[in-house]
């Protein structure tokens, strides 16, 4: 008699995407399209994919810097309120 293998529990790293995940991806793609259109309008021409990849990386670096500054400023404000 052939042995029957029991079904394995789903691997959390390989679970199917949810509707919410698809919505987030869609929103991210919309934001990327908007950003690309703005950069292309500023450049006055259509960017190739390698150019867009570089511009996107630079924009993401810039956003990371802004977020870090915001976190520092927010922390400083709360420290000042606590000290007062």
PDB file of N, CA and C in Angstrom:
ATOM      1  N   UNK A   1       0.835  -1.162   0.000  1.00  0.00           N
ATOM      2  CA  UNK A   1       0.000   0.000   0.000  1.00  0.00           C
ATOM      3  C   UNK A   1       0.894   1.245   0.000  1.00  0.00           C
ATOM      4  N   UNK A   2       0.635   2.209  -0.910  1.00  0.00           N
ATOM      5  CA  UNK A   2       1.489   3.397  -0.966  1.00  0.00           C
ATOM      6  C   UNK A   2       1.243   4.287   0.256  1.00  0.00           C
ATOM      7  N   UNK A   3       2.325   4.859   0.737  1.00  0.00           N
ATOM      8  CA  UNK A   3       2.180   5.748   1.896  1.00  0.00           C
ATOM      9  C   UNK A   3       1.648   7.100   1.433  1.00  0.00           C
ATOM     10  N   UNK A   4       0.789   7.644   2.261  1.00  0.00           N
ATOM     11  CA  UNK A   4       0.223   8.950   1.927  1.00  0.00           C
ATOM     12  C   UNK A   4       0.918  10.007   2.755  1.00  0.00           C
ATOM     13  N   UNK A   5       1.345  11.040   2.067  1.00  0.00           N
ATOM     14  CA  UNK A   5       2.029  12.126   2.750  1.00  0.00           C
ATOM     15  C   UNK A   5       0.995  13.105   3.292  1.00  0.00           C
ATOM     16  N   UNK A   6       1.159  13.494   4.530  1.00  0.00           N
ATOM     17  CA  UNK A   6       0.249  14.458   5.134  1.00  0.00           C
ATOM     18  C   UNK A   6       0.529  15.857   4.573  1.00  0.00           C
ATOM     19  N   UNK A   7      -0.484  16.657   4.424  1.00  0.00           N
ATOM     20  CA  UNK A   7      -0.248  18.019   3.919  1.00  0.00           C
ATOM     21  C   UNK A   7       0.562  18.826   4.922  1.00  0.00           C
ATOM     22  N   UNK A   8       1.446  19.628   4.393  1.00  0.00           N
ATOM     23  CA  UNK A   8       2.280  20.477   5.251  1.00  0.00           C
ATOM     24  C   UNK A   8       1.556  21.787   5.533  1.00  0.00           C
ATOM     25  N   UNK A   9       1.819  22.356   6.699  1.00  0.00           N
ATOM     26  CA  UNK A   9       1.232  23.675   6.972  1.00  0.00           C
ATOM     27  C   UNK A   9       1.851  24.708   6.036  1.00  0.00           C
ATOM     28  N   UNK A  10       1.134  25.776   5.732  1.00  0.00           N
ATOM     29  CA  UNK A  10       1.681  26.769   4.812  1.00  0.00           C
ATOM     30  C   UNK A  10       2.923  27.431   5.374  1.00  0.00           C
ATOM     31  N   UNK A  11       3.860  27.655   4.494  1.00  0.00           N
ATOM     32  CA  UNK A  11       5.096  28.337   4.852  1.00  0.00           C
ATOM     33  C   UNK A  11       4.787  29.829   4.938  1.00  0.00           C
ATOM     34  N   UNK A  12       5.039  30.486   6.068  1.00  0.00           N
ATOM     35  CA  UNK A  12       4.690  31.902   6.191  1.00  0.00           C
ATOM     36  C   UNK A  12       5.416  32.772   5.174  1.00  0.00           C
ATOM     37  N   UNK A  13       6.588  32.349   4.716  1.00  0.00           N
ATOM     38  CA  UNK A  13       7.323  33.130   3.723  1.00  0.00           C
ATOM     39  C   UNK A  13       6.759  32.938   2.321  1.00  0.00           C
ATOM     40  N   UNK A  14       5.921  31.937   2.112  1.00  0.00           N
ATOM     41  CA  UNK A  14       5.406  31.647   0.779  1.00  0.00           C
ATOM     42  C   UNK A  14       3.893  31.680   0.723  1.00  0.00           C
ATOM     43  N   UNK A  15       3.285  32.457   1.604  1.00  0.00           N
ATOM     44  CA  UNK A  15       1.832  32.528   1.596  1.00  0.00           C
ATOM     45  C   UNK A  15       1.367  33.378   0.424  1.00  0.00           C
ATOM     46  N   UNK A  16       0.166  33.120  -0.022  1.00  0.00           N
ATOM     47  CA  UNK A  16      -0.385  33.858  -1.152  1.00  0.00           C
ATOM     48  C   UNK A  16      -0.646  35.300  -0.738  1.00  0.00           C
ATOM     49  N   UNK A  17      -0.439  36.246  -1.643  1.00  0.00           N
ATOM     50  CA  UNK A  17      -0.708  37.646  -1.295  1.00  0.00           C
ATOM     51  C   UNK A  17      -2.190  37.869  -1.040  1.00  0.00           C
ATOM     52  N   UNK A  18      -2.475  38.746  -0.127  1.00  0.00           N
ATOM     53  CA  UNK A  18      -3.862  39.053   0.200  1.00  0.00           C
ATOM     54  C   UNK A  18      -4.347  40.216  -0.646  1.00  0.00           C
ATOM     55  N   UNK A  19      -5.627  40.486  -0.572  1.00  0.00           N
ATOM     56  CA  UNK A  19      -6.192  41.620  -1.300  1.00  0.00           C
ATOM     57  C   UNK A  19      -5.575  42.917  -0.794  1.00  0.00           C
ATOM     58  N   UNK A  20      -5.345  42.992   0.508  1.00  0.00           N
ATOM     59  CA  UNK A  20      -4.739  44.179   1.082  1.00  0.00           C
ATOM     60  C   UNK A  20      -3.343  44.391   0.515  1.00  0.00           C
ATOM     61  N   UNK A  21      -2.550  43.305   0.403  1.00  0.00           N
ATOM     62  CA  UNK A  21      -1.218  43.412  -0.177  1.00  0.00           C
ATOM     63  C   UNK A  21      -1.307  43.936  -1.604  1.00  0.00           C
ATOM     64  N   UNK A  22      -2.261  43.437  -2.364  1.00  0.00           N
ATOM     65  CA  UNK A  22      -2.431  43.881  -3.749  1.00  0.00           C
ATOM     66  C   UNK A  22      -2.789  45.365  -3.773  1.00  0.00           C
ATOM     67  N   UNK A  23      -3.598  45.807  -2.847  1.00  0.00           N
ATOM     68  CA  UNK A  23      -3.952  47.222  -2.767  1.00  0.00           C
ATOM     69  C   UNK A  23      -2.751  48.091  -2.463  1.00  0.00           C
ATOM     70  N   UNK A  24      -1.917  47.620  -1.558  1.00  0.00           N
ATOM     71  CA  UNK A  24      -0.694  48.372  -1.226  1.00  0.00           C
ATOM     72  C   UNK A  24       0.234  48.447  -2.417  1.00  0.00           C
ATOM     73  N   UNK A  25       0.375  47.326  -3.124  1.00  0.00           N
ATOM     74  CA  UNK A  25       1.236  47.326  -4.309  1.00  0.00           C
ATOM     75  C   UNK A  25       0.685  48.285  -5.349  1.00  0.00           C
ATOM     76  N   UNK A  26      -0.632  48.282  -5.520  1.00  0.00           N
ATOM     77  CA  UNK A  26      -1.247  49.187  -6.481  1.00  0.00           C
ATOM     78  C   UNK A  26      -1.009  50.642  -6.110  1.00  0.00           C
ATOM     79  N   UNK A  27      -1.139  50.958  -4.827  1.00  0.00           N
ATOM     80  CA  UNK A  27      -0.905  52.325  -4.368  1.00  0.00           C
ATOM     81  C   UNK A  27       0.552  52.719  -4.573  1.00  0.00           C
ATOM     82  N   UNK A  28       1.464  51.797  -4.293  1.00  0.00           N
ATOM     83  CA  UNK A  28       2.885  52.075  -4.486  1.00  0.00           C
ATOM     84  C   UNK A  28       3.193  52.304  -5.961  1.00  0.00           C
ATOM     85  N   UNK A  29       2.594  51.511  -6.830  1.00  0.00           N
ATOM     86  CA  UNK A  29       2.812  51.691  -8.265  1.00  0.00           C
ATOM     87  C   UNK A  29       2.251  53.025  -8.734  1.00  0.00           C
ATOM     88  N   UNK A  30       1.094  53.410  -8.209  1.00  0.00           N
ATOM     89  CA  UNK A  30       0.523  54.706  -8.569  1.00  0.00           C
ATOM     90  C   UNK A  30       1.454  55.845  -8.150  1.00  0.00           C
ATOM     91  N   UNK A  31       2.007  55.745  -6.946  1.00  0.00           N
ATOM     92  CA  UNK A  31       2.935  56.775  -6.470  1.00  0.00           C
ATOM     93  C   UNK A  31       4.196  56.815  -7.325  1.00  0.00           C
ATOM     94  N   UNK A  32       4.685  55.635  -7.705  1.00  0.00           N
ATOM     95  CA  UNK A  32       5.884  55.594  -8.542  1.00  0.00           C
ATOM     96  C   UNK A  32       5.609  56.201  -9.918  1.00  0.00           C
ATOM     97  N   UNK A  33       4.456  55.888 -10.491  1.00  0.00           N
ATOM     98  CA  UNK A  33       4.099  56.471 -11.803  1.00  0.00           C
ATOM     99  C   UNK A  33       4.002  57.990 -11.714  1.00  0.00           C
ATOM    100  N   UNK A  34       3.402  58.479 -10.636  1.00  0.00           N
ATOM    101  CA  UNK A  34       3.270  59.922 -10.445  1.00  0.00           C
ATOM    102  C   UNK A  34       4.640  60.575 -10.302  1.00  0.00           C
ATOM    103  N   UNK A  35       5.513  59.953  -9.506  1.00  0.00           N
ATOM    104  CA  UNK A  35       6.860  60.487  -9.311  1.00  0.00           C
ATOM    105  C   UNK A  35       7.638  60.479 -10.626  1.00  0.00           C
ATOM    106  N   UNK A  36       7.520  59.392 -11.390  1.00  0.00           N
ATOM    107  CA  UNK A  36       8.237  59.317 -12.665  1.00  0.00           C
ATOM    108  C   UNK A  36       7.745  60.395 -13.618  1.00  0.00           C
ATOM    109  N   UNK A  37       6.435  60.593 -13.670  1.00  0.00           N
ATOM    110  CA  UNK A  37       5.882  61.632 -14.542  1.00  0.00           C
ATOM    111  C   UNK A  37       6.403  63.012 -14.140  1.00  0.00           C
ATOM    112  N   UNK A  38       6.499  63.272 -12.834  1.00  0.00           N
ATOM    113  CA  UNK A  38       6.995  64.563 -12.352  1.00  0.00           C
ATOM    114  C   UNK A  38       8.467  64.754 -12.715  1.00  0.00           C
ATOM    115  N   UNK A  39       9.270  63.712 -12.551  1.00  0.00           N
ATOM    116  CA  UNK A  39      10.696  63.804 -12.890  1.00  0.00           C
ATOM    117  C   UNK A  39      10.861  63.984 -14.397  1.00  0.00           C
ATOM    118  N   UNK A  40      10.087  63.263 -15.177  1.00  0.00           N
ATOM    119  CA  UNK A  40      10.171  63.393 -16.632  1.00  0.00           C
ATOM    120  C   UNK A  40       9.721  64.780 -17.083  1.00  0.00           C
ATOM    121  N   UNK A  41       8.692  65.332 -16.439  1.00  0.00           N
ATOM    122  CA  UNK A  41       8.236  66.682 -16.781  1.00  0.00           C
ATOM    123  C   UNK A  41       9.334  67.699 -16.468  1.00  0.00           C
ATOM    124  N   UNK A  42       9.994  67.503 -15.348  1.00  0.00           N
ATOM    125  CA  UNK A  42      11.095  68.402 -14.955  1.00  0.00           C
ATOM    126  C   UNK A  42      12.251  68.286 -15.930  1.00  0.00           C
ATOM    127  N   UNK A  43      12.539  67.062 -16.378  1.00  0.00           N
ATOM    128  CA  UNK A  43      13.639  66.840 -17.327  1.00  0.00           C
ATOM    129  C   UNK A  43      13.258  67.286 -18.736  1.00  0.00           C
ATOM    130  N   UNK A  44      11.970  67.351 -19.001  1.00  0.00           N
ATOM    131  CA  UNK A  44      11.511  67.754 -20.319  1.00  0.00           C
ATOM    132  C   UNK A  44      11.596  66.653 -21.357  1.00  0.00           C
ATOM    133  N   UNK A  45      11.710  65.433 -20.897  1.00  0.00           N
ATOM    134  CA  UNK A  45      11.796  64.287 -21.813  1.00  0.00           C
ATOM    135  C   UNK A  45      11.444  63.017 -21.060  1.00  0.00           C
ATOM    136  N   UNK A  46      11.231  61.955 -21.822  1.00  0.00           N
ATOM    137  CA  UNK A  46      10.962  60.643 -21.235  1.00  0.00           C
ATOM    138  C   UNK A  46      12.284  60.019 -20.808  1.00  0.00           C
ATOM    139  N   UNK A  47      12.315  59.487 -19.607  1.00  0.00           N
ATOM    140  CA  UNK A  47      13.525  58.817 -19.109  1.00  0.00           C
ATOM    141  C   UNK A  47      13.504  57.346 -19.491  1.00  0.00           C
ATOM    142  N   UNK A  48      14.667  56.821 -19.797  1.00  0.00           N
ATOM    143  CA  UNK A  48      14.784  55.383 -20.009  1.00  0.00           C
ATOM    144  C   UNK A  48      14.719  54.674 -18.666  1.00  0.00           C
ATOM    145  N   UNK A  49      14.502  53.385 -18.694  1.00  0.00           N
ATOM    146  CA  UNK A  49      14.408  52.631 -17.434  1.00  0.00           C
ATOM    147  C   UNK A  49      15.665  52.743 -16.578  1.00  0.00           C
ATOM    148  N   UNK A  50      16.893  52.640 -17.148  1.00  0.00           N
ATOM    149  CA  UNK A  50      18.080  52.796 -16.286  1.00  0.00           C
ATOM    150  C   UNK A  50      18.166  54.190 -15.650  1.00  0.00           C
ATOM    151  N   UNK A  51      17.784  55.226 -16.420  1.00  0.00           N
ATOM    152  CA  UNK A  51      17.792  56.579 -15.861  1.00  0.00           C
ATOM    153  C   UNK A  51      16.766  56.715 -14.741  1.00  0.00           C
ATOM    154  N   UNK A  52      15.578  56.147 -14.972  1.00  0.00           N
ATOM    155  CA  UNK A  52      14.543  56.203 -13.937  1.00  0.00           C
ATOM    156  C   UNK A  52      14.983  55.440 -12.695  1.00  0.00           C
ATOM    157  N   UNK A  53      15.636  54.302 -12.876  1.00  0.00           N
ATOM    158  CA  UNK A  53      16.104  53.519 -11.722  1.00  0.00           C
ATOM    159  C   UNK A  53      17.055  54.353 -10.865  1.00  0.00           C
ATOM    160  N   UNK A  54      17.984  55.077 -11.522  1.00  0.00           N
ATOM    161  CA  UNK A  54      18.919  55.929 -10.770  1.00  0.00           C
ATOM    162  C   UNK A  54      18.175  57.069 -10.068  1.00  0.00           C
ATOM    163  N   UNK A  55      17.257  57.707 -10.805  1.00  0.00           N
ATOM    164  CA  UNK A  55      16.497  58.817 -10.210  1.00  0.00           C
ATOM    165  C   UNK A  55      15.654  58.332  -9.033  1.00  0.00           C
ATOM    166  N   UNK A  56      15.014  57.160  -9.177  1.00  0.00           N
ATOM    167  CA  UNK A  56      14.196  56.603  -8.096  1.00  0.00           C
ATOM    168  C   UNK A  56      15.058  56.314  -6.868  1.00  0.00           C
ATOM    169  N   UNK A  57      16.248  55.732  -7.091  1.00  0.00           N
ATOM    170  CA  UNK A  57      17.142  55.447  -5.965  1.00  0.00           C
ATOM    171  C   UNK A  57      17.539  56.731  -5.240  1.00  0.00           C
ATOM    172  N   UNK A  58      17.814  57.779  -6.006  1.00  0.00           N
ATOM    173  CA  UNK A  58      18.195  59.053  -5.393  1.00  0.00           C
ATOM    174  C   UNK A  58      17.015  59.653  -4.626  1.00  0.00           C
ATOM    175  N   UNK A  59      15.816  59.556  -5.194  1.00  0.00           N
ATOM    176  CA  UNK A  59      14.634  60.054  -4.490  1.00  0.00           C
ATOM    177  C   UNK A  59      14.396  59.298  -3.189  1.00  0.00           C
ATOM    178  N   UNK A  60      14.547  57.983  -3.238  1.00  0.00           N
ATOM    179  CA  UNK A  60      14.356  57.183  -2.020  1.00  0.00           C
ATOM    180  C   UNK A  60      15.402  57.523  -0.962  1.00  0.00           C
ATOM    181  N   UNK A  61      16.648  57.782  -1.388  1.00  0.00           N
ATOM    182  CA  UNK A  61      17.682  58.215  -0.440  1.00  0.00           C
ATOM    183  C   UNK A  61      17.295  59.548   0.195  1.00  0.00           C
ATOM    184  N   UNK A  62      16.794  60.463  -0.631  1.00  0.00           N
ATOM    185  CA  UNK A  62      16.381  61.774  -0.142  1.00  0.00           C
ATOM    186  C   UNK A  62      15.230  61.647   0.858  1.00  0.00           C
ATOM    187  N   UNK A  63      14.264  60.817   0.545  1.00  0.00           N
ATOM    188  CA  UNK A  63      13.133  60.606   1.454  1.00  0.00           C
ATOM    189  C   UNK A  63      13.621  59.999   2.771  1.00  0.00           C
ATOM    190  N   UNK A  64      14.583  59.102   2.706  1.00  0.00           N
ATOM    191  CA  UNK A  64      15.140  58.512   3.938  1.00  0.00           C
ATOM    192  C   UNK A  64      15.773  59.594   4.818  1.00  0.00           C
ATOM    193  N   UNK A  65      16.475  60.534   4.180  1.00  0.00           N
ATOM    194  CA  UNK A  65      17.088  61.634   4.930  1.00  0.00           C
ATOM    195  C   UNK A  65      15.999  62.487   5.582  1.00  0.00           C
ATOM    196  N   UNK A  66      14.964  62.815   4.818  1.00  0.00           N
ATOM    197  CA  UNK A  66      13.878  63.622   5.370  1.00  0.00           C
ATOM    198  C   UNK A  66      13.191  62.917   6.532  1.00  0.00           C
ATOM    199  N   UNK A  67      12.970  61.613   6.407  1.00  0.00           N
ATOM    200  CA  UNK A  67      12.339  60.865   7.503  1.00  0.00           C
ATOM    201  C   UNK A  67      13.209  60.876   8.750  1.00  0.00           C
ATOM    202  N   UNK A  68      14.516  60.720   8.565  1.00  0.00           N
ATOM    203  CA  UNK A  68      15.431  60.737   9.710  1.00  0.00           C
ATOM    204  C   UNK A  68      15.398  62.102  10.396  1.00  0.00           C
ATOM    205  N   UNK A  69      15.396  63.165   9.621  1.00  0.00           N
ATOM    206  CA  UNK A  69      15.315  64.506  10.195  1.00  0.00           C
ATOM    207  C   UNK A  69      14.003  64.689  10.951  1.00  0.00           C
ATOM    208  N   UNK A  70      12.927  64.203  10.375  1.00  0.00           N
ATOM    209  CA  UNK A  70      11.618  64.324  11.036  1.00  0.00           C
ATOM    210  C   UNK A  70      11.607  63.565  12.370  1.00  0.00           C
ATOM    211  N   UNK A  71      12.177  62.345  12.361  1.00  0.00           N
ATOM    212  CA  UNK A  71      12.236  61.569  13.608  1.00  0.00           C
ATOM    213  C   UNK A  71      13.051  62.308  14.665  1.00  0.00           C
ATOM    214  N   UNK A  72      14.186  62.875  14.239  1.00  0.00           N
ATOM    215  CA  UNK A  72      15.026  63.613  15.194  1.00  0.00           C
ATOM    216  C   UNK A  72      14.284  64.827  15.740  1.00  0.00           C
ATOM    217  N   UNK A  73      13.616  65.562  14.857  1.00  0.00           N
ATOM    218  CA  UNK A  73      12.885  66.759  15.290  1.00  0.00           C
ATOM    219  C   UNK A  73      11.732  66.383  16.219  1.00  0.00           C
ATOM    220  N   UNK A  74      11.024  65.319  15.898  1.00  0.00           N
ATOM    221  CA  UNK A  74       9.911  64.874  16.731  1.00  0.00           C
ATOM    222  C   UNK A  74      10.413  64.433  18.093  1.00  0.00           C
ATOM    223  N   UNK A  75      11.517  63.710  18.108  1.00  0.00           N
ATOM    224  CA  UNK A  75      12.085  63.262  19.385  1.00  0.00           C
ATOM    225  C   UNK A  75      12.539  64.466  20.199  1.00  0.00           C
ATOM    226  N   UNK A  76      13.173  65.443  19.553  1.00  0.00           N
ATOM    227  CA  UNK A  76      13.641  66.629  20.259  1.00  0.00           C
ATOM    228  C   UNK A  76      12.483  67.406  20.855  1.00  0.00           C
ATOM    229  N   UNK A  77      11.389  67.548  20.089  1.00  0.00           N
ATOM    230  CA  UNK A  77      10.224  68.270  20.601  1.00  0.00           C
ATOM    231  C   UNK A  77       9.639  67.568  21.820  1.00  0.00           C
ATOM    232  N   UNK A  78       9.531  66.242  21.769  1.00  0.00           N
ATOM    233  CA  UNK A  78       8.963  65.521  22.911  1.00  0.00           C
ATOM    234  C   UNK A  78       9.903  65.599  24.113  1.00  0.00           C
ATOM    235  N   UNK A  79      11.219  65.587  23.887  1.00  0.00           N
ATOM    236  CA  UNK A  79      12.168  65.731  24.995  1.00  0.00           C
ATOM    237  C   UNK A  79      12.039  67.105  25.634  1.00  0.00           C
ATOM    238  N   UNK A  80      11.837  68.125  24.792  1.00  0.00           N
ATOM    239  CA  UNK A  80      11.687  69.473  25.344  1.00  0.00           C
ATOM    240  C   UNK A  80      10.425  69.591  26.184  1.00  0.00           C
ATOM    241  N   UNK A  81       9.319  68.983  25.707  1.00  0.00           N
ATOM    242  CA  UNK A  81       8.074  69.031  26.462  1.00  0.00           C
ATOM    243  C   UNK A  81       8.215  68.295  27.797  1.00  0.00           C
ATOM    244  N   UNK A  82       8.933  67.172  27.763  1.00  0.00           N
ATOM    245  CA  UNK A  82       9.135  66.394  28.987  1.00  0.00           C
ATOM    246  C   UNK A  82       9.984  67.174  29.987  1.00  0.00           C
ATOM    247  N   UNK A  83      10.984  67.880  29.502  1.00  0.00           N
ATOM    248  CA  UNK A  83      11.880  68.624  30.375  1.00  0.00           C
ATOM    249  C   UNK A  83      11.199  69.859  30.956  1.00  0.00           C
ATOM    250  N   UNK A  84      10.196  70.373  30.279  1.00  0.00           N
ATOM    251  CA  UNK A  84       9.546  71.624  30.747  1.00  0.00           C
ATOM    252  C   UNK A  84       8.645  71.424  31.910  1.00  0.00           C
TER     253      UNK A  84
END
